[in-house]
């Protein structure tokens, strides 16, 4: 006997179902996902430091992924979920373009070049020279990113690095972004050229580190 409903394919998994757009298994799965997400949010709130309760109302857990958001954050730094409505004119970051960042790169290159020359003049073994120079360069770049949000070259031209949600750059993101420099070199500079052609002026290193470079003046 016919059930009176046409068999159609579930829009989520493709299985045949009787009339409904989503089959029963997918509906139950969606409910389970929502319940798990709510549990993560509750757990994140419970694990929040005691002093976080007195912070800005927007400094709670992201409703989407459950991670703690920074005070005043507009977007979650992990899943890019919009945490609150934007005020008029808010959220419009002035992204630094290719040429201004190129000038900053040249300034830092001059500083690092001088430091590398000094290292090479003090150490005889070439392998040790390469190792010391790598450590020195990484410490210089990552240290300034974490401490000031910008290397001396970037500070000179008035730009700084922040997370994609506008918050200060984090240590892990800074390390990944430095790895992104190596990736840019391996792509023969194409990773850097992406800055000129992407909407948020992001290079490959920015996508790897989850960062953007903005103007400070």
Protein backbone atom coordinates (compact mmCIF):
# COMPACT_ATOMS: atom_id res chain seq x y z
CA UNK A 1 0.00 0.00 0.00
CA UNK A 2 1.28 3.44 -0.87
CA UNK A 3 2.07 5.73 2.08
CA UNK A 4 0.88 8.79 0.17
CA UNK A 5 4.31 10.44 0.23
CA UNK A 6 6.77 10.59 -2.66
CA UNK A 7 10.26 9.27 -2.03
CA UNK A 8 12.81 12.08 -2.17
CA UNK A 9 16.54 12.23 -1.42
CA UNK A 10 17.71 13.68 1.92
CA UNK A 11 19.43 17.02 1.29
CA UNK A 12 22.16 16.15 3.82
CA UNK A 13 23.18 12.54 3.18
CA UNK A 14 21.37 11.65 -0.07
CA UNK A 15 19.41 8.73 1.37
CA UNK A 16 15.81 8.27 0.25
CA UNK A 17 13.13 9.47 2.67
CA UNK A 18 9.35 9.68 2.60
CA UNK A 19 8.51 13.26 1.72
CA UNK A 20 10.80 15.04 4.21
CA UNK A 21 13.81 17.04 3.02
CA UNK A 22 16.00 15.62 5.81
CA UNK A 23 15.91 11.96 6.87
CA UNK A 24 15.43 10.88 10.46
CA UNK A 25 19.06 9.86 10.96
CA UNK A 26 20.35 13.29 9.86
CA UNK A 27 17.78 15.07 12.02
CA UNK A 28 18.94 13.12 15.07
CA UNK A 29 22.57 13.81 14.16
CA UNK A 30 21.89 17.54 13.90
CA UNK A 31 20.24 17.52 17.32
CA UNK A 32 23.23 15.68 18.75
CA UNK A 33 25.62 18.25 17.24
CA UNK A 34 23.64 21.12 18.76
CA UNK A 35 23.60 19.40 22.15
CA UNK A 36 27.37 18.83 22.00
CA UNK A 37 27.94 22.47 21.07
CA UNK A 38 25.81 23.66 23.99
CA UNK A 39 27.79 21.37 26.32
CA UNK A 40 31.10 22.81 25.08
CA UNK A 41 29.87 26.35 25.71
CA UNK A 42 28.71 25.45 29.22
CA UNK A 43 32.04 23.77 29.99
CA UNK A 44 34.04 26.74 28.65
CA UNK A 45 32.06 29.13 30.82
CA UNK A 46 32.57 26.91 33.87
CA UNK A 47 36.34 26.74 33.25
CA UNK A 48 36.67 30.49 32.73
CA UNK A 49 39.02 32.19 35.22
CA UNK A 50 37.30 33.84 38.18
CA UNK A 51 38.37 37.33 37.14
CA UNK A 52 36.84 36.85 33.70
CA UNK A 53 33.37 37.13 35.19
CA UNK A 54 34.00 40.81 35.93
CA UNK A 55 35.29 41.53 32.44
CA UNK A 56 33.32 42.86 29.52
CA UNK A 57 30.04 41.02 28.82
CA UNK A 58 31.48 40.05 25.44
CA UNK A 59 34.40 38.18 27.07
CA UNK A 60 32.48 34.89 27.36
CA UNK A 61 32.54 31.72 25.35
CA UNK A 62 31.91 31.56 21.63
CA UNK A 63 28.43 30.07 21.06
CA UNK A 64 29.75 28.23 17.99
CA UNK A 65 32.97 26.50 19.09
CA UNK A 66 32.97 27.04 22.86
CA UNK A 67 36.39 28.73 22.97
CA UNK A 68 36.83 31.79 25.18
CA UNK A 69 36.70 35.05 23.24
CA UNK A 70 38.82 38.08 24.06
CA UNK A 71 37.35 41.17 25.68
CA UNK A 72 35.62 43.29 23.08
CA UNK A 73 36.17 40.76 20.29
CA UNK A 74 33.85 41.05 17.31
CA UNK A 75 34.64 37.65 15.80
CA UNK A 76 35.79 34.42 17.42
CA UNK A 77 39.50 34.00 16.77
CA UNK A 78 39.07 30.26 16.19
CA UNK A 79 35.94 29.77 14.07
CA UNK A 80 35.25 33.40 12.94
CA UNK A 81 31.74 33.33 14.46
CA UNK A 82 30.41 36.89 14.86
CA UNK A 83 30.07 37.41 18.61
CA UNK A 84 28.14 40.66 18.64
CA UNK A 85 26.55 43.24 16.41
CA UNK A 86 28.79 45.94 14.99
CA UNK A 87 28.37 49.55 16.01
CA UNK A 88 28.25 52.11 13.16
CA UNK A 89 31.70 52.27 11.57
CA UNK A 90 33.07 49.52 13.80
CA UNK A 91 35.04 46.59 12.46
CA UNK A 92 36.35 48.40 9.39
CA UNK A 93 40.09 47.73 9.68
CA UNK A 94 42.49 49.62 7.43
CA UNK A 95 44.55 46.81 5.95
CA UNK A 96 48.17 47.47 4.99
CA UNK A 97 48.88 46.81 1.33
CA UNK A 98 51.76 45.19 -0.52
CA UNK A 99 54.11 48.15 -1.02
CA UNK A 100 54.03 49.54 2.51
CA UNK A 101 54.74 46.04 3.82
CA UNK A 102 57.52 45.65 1.27
CA UNK A 103 59.20 48.79 2.63
CA UNK A 104 58.88 47.40 6.18
CA UNK A 105 60.42 44.14 4.96
CA UNK A 106 63.39 46.02 3.49
CA UNK A 107 64.01 47.89 6.75
CA UNK A 108 63.95 44.67 8.77
CA UNK A 109 66.13 43.04 6.12
CA UNK A 110 68.80 45.70 6.58
CA UNK A 111 68.74 45.25 10.37
CA UNK A 112 68.85 41.47 10.18
CA UNK A 113 71.49 41.58 7.45
CA UNK A 114 73.80 43.58 9.69
CA UNK A 115 73.20 41.17 12.59
CA UNK A 116 73.90 38.18 10.34
CA UNK A 117 77.15 39.73 9.14
CA UNK A 118 78.29 40.17 12.74
CA UNK A 119 77.44 36.54 13.51
CA UNK A 120 79.32 35.33 10.42
CA UNK A 121 82.38 37.35 11.43
CA UNK A 122 82.44 35.86 14.94
CA UNK A 123 81.82 32.18 14.14
CA UNK A 124 84.01 30.11 11.84
CA UNK A 125 81.95 26.95 11.36
CA UNK A 126 79.44 27.57 8.51
CA UNK A 127 76.80 25.18 9.86
CA UNK A 128 76.89 26.87 13.25
CA UNK A 129 76.61 30.25 11.52
CA UNK A 130 73.45 29.14 9.69
CA UNK A 131 71.91 27.76 12.90
CA UNK A 132 72.69 30.85 14.98
CA UNK A 133 71.43 33.16 12.24
CA UNK A 134 68.15 31.22 11.98
CA UNK A 135 67.59 31.34 15.75
CA UNK A 136 68.53 35.03 15.88
CA UNK A 137 66.21 35.94 12.99
CA UNK A 138 63.29 33.96 14.44
CA UNK A 139 63.79 35.48 17.89
CA UNK A 140 63.95 38.99 16.43
CA UNK A 141 60.80 38.61 14.35
CA UNK A 142 58.61 36.58 16.71
CA UNK A 143 59.79 38.53 19.76
CA UNK A 144 58.79 41.89 18.28
CA UNK A 145 55.50 40.48 16.99
CA UNK A 146 54.55 39.29 20.48
CA UNK A 147 55.94 42.27 22.38
CA UNK A 148 54.95 45.15 20.10
CA UNK A 149 52.72 43.64 17.43
CA UNK A 150 55.28 44.75 14.84
CA UNK A 151 58.95 44.54 13.98
CA UNK A 152 60.97 47.80 13.85
CA UNK A 153 60.39 47.90 10.08
CA UNK A 154 56.62 47.68 10.48
CA UNK A 155 56.67 50.21 13.31
CA UNK A 156 58.62 52.60 11.10
CA UNK A 157 55.96 52.56 8.38
CA UNK A 158 53.02 52.54 10.81
CA UNK A 159 51.57 49.03 10.52
CA UNK A 160 51.08 46.18 12.97
CA UNK A 161 50.03 42.53 13.01
CA UNK A 162 46.84 41.41 14.75
CA UNK A 163 44.73 38.28 14.76
CA UNK A 164 42.01 38.10 12.12
CA UNK A 165 39.44 39.03 14.80
CA UNK A 166 41.33 42.23 15.67
CA UNK A 167 42.87 40.92 18.89
CA UNK A 168 46.65 41.06 19.62
CA UNK A 169 48.71 38.38 17.94
CA UNK A 170 49.21 35.23 20.02
CA UNK A 171 52.45 33.29 20.47
CA UNK A 172 51.26 30.19 18.62
CA UNK A 173 49.96 32.29 15.75
CA UNK A 174 53.27 34.18 15.60
CA UNK A 175 55.21 30.91 15.31
CA UNK A 176 52.89 29.66 12.57
CA UNK A 177 53.19 32.98 10.76
CA UNK A 178 56.98 32.68 10.80
CA UNK A 179 56.64 29.22 9.29
CA UNK A 180 54.50 30.96 6.68
CA UNK A 181 57.55 33.03 5.71
CA UNK A 182 59.37 29.80 4.90
CA UNK A 183 56.36 28.65 2.86
CA UNK A 184 56.43 31.94 0.95
CA UNK A 185 60.09 31.41 0.13
CA UNK A 186 59.37 27.88 -1.09
CA UNK A 187 56.69 29.26 -3.44
CA UNK A 188 59.29 31.65 -4.92
CA UNK A 189 57.56 34.67 -3.41
CA UNK A 190 54.06 33.91 -4.67
CA UNK A 191 52.86 33.77 -1.05
CA UNK A 192 53.94 37.39 -0.62
CA UNK A 193 52.33 38.49 -3.89
CA UNK A 194 48.97 37.26 -2.57
CA UNK A 195 48.93 40.45 -0.47
CA UNK A 196 48.31 42.52 -3.59
CA UNK A 197 45.35 40.43 -4.75
CA UNK A 198 43.35 39.49 -1.65
CA UNK A 199 40.55 41.55 -0.14
CA UNK A 200 42.09 41.76 3.33
CA UNK A 201 45.64 42.17 1.95
CA UNK A 202 46.67 38.81 3.40
CA UNK A 203 49.71 36.87 2.29
CA UNK A 204 50.22 33.14 2.64
CA UNK A 205 51.89 33.75 6.02
CA UNK A 206 48.76 35.56 7.22
CA UNK A 207 46.47 32.70 6.23
CA UNK A 208 48.75 30.20 7.95
CA UNK A 209 48.97 32.28 11.14
CA UNK A 210 45.37 33.55 11.11
CA UNK A 211 46.50 37.18 11.07
CA UNK A 212 46.04 40.46 9.21
CA UNK A 213 48.29 43.50 8.97
CA UNK A 214 46.63 46.86 9.65
CA UNK A 215 47.64 50.48 9.51
CA UNK A 216 48.15 52.29 12.82
CA UNK A 217 48.26 55.80 11.44
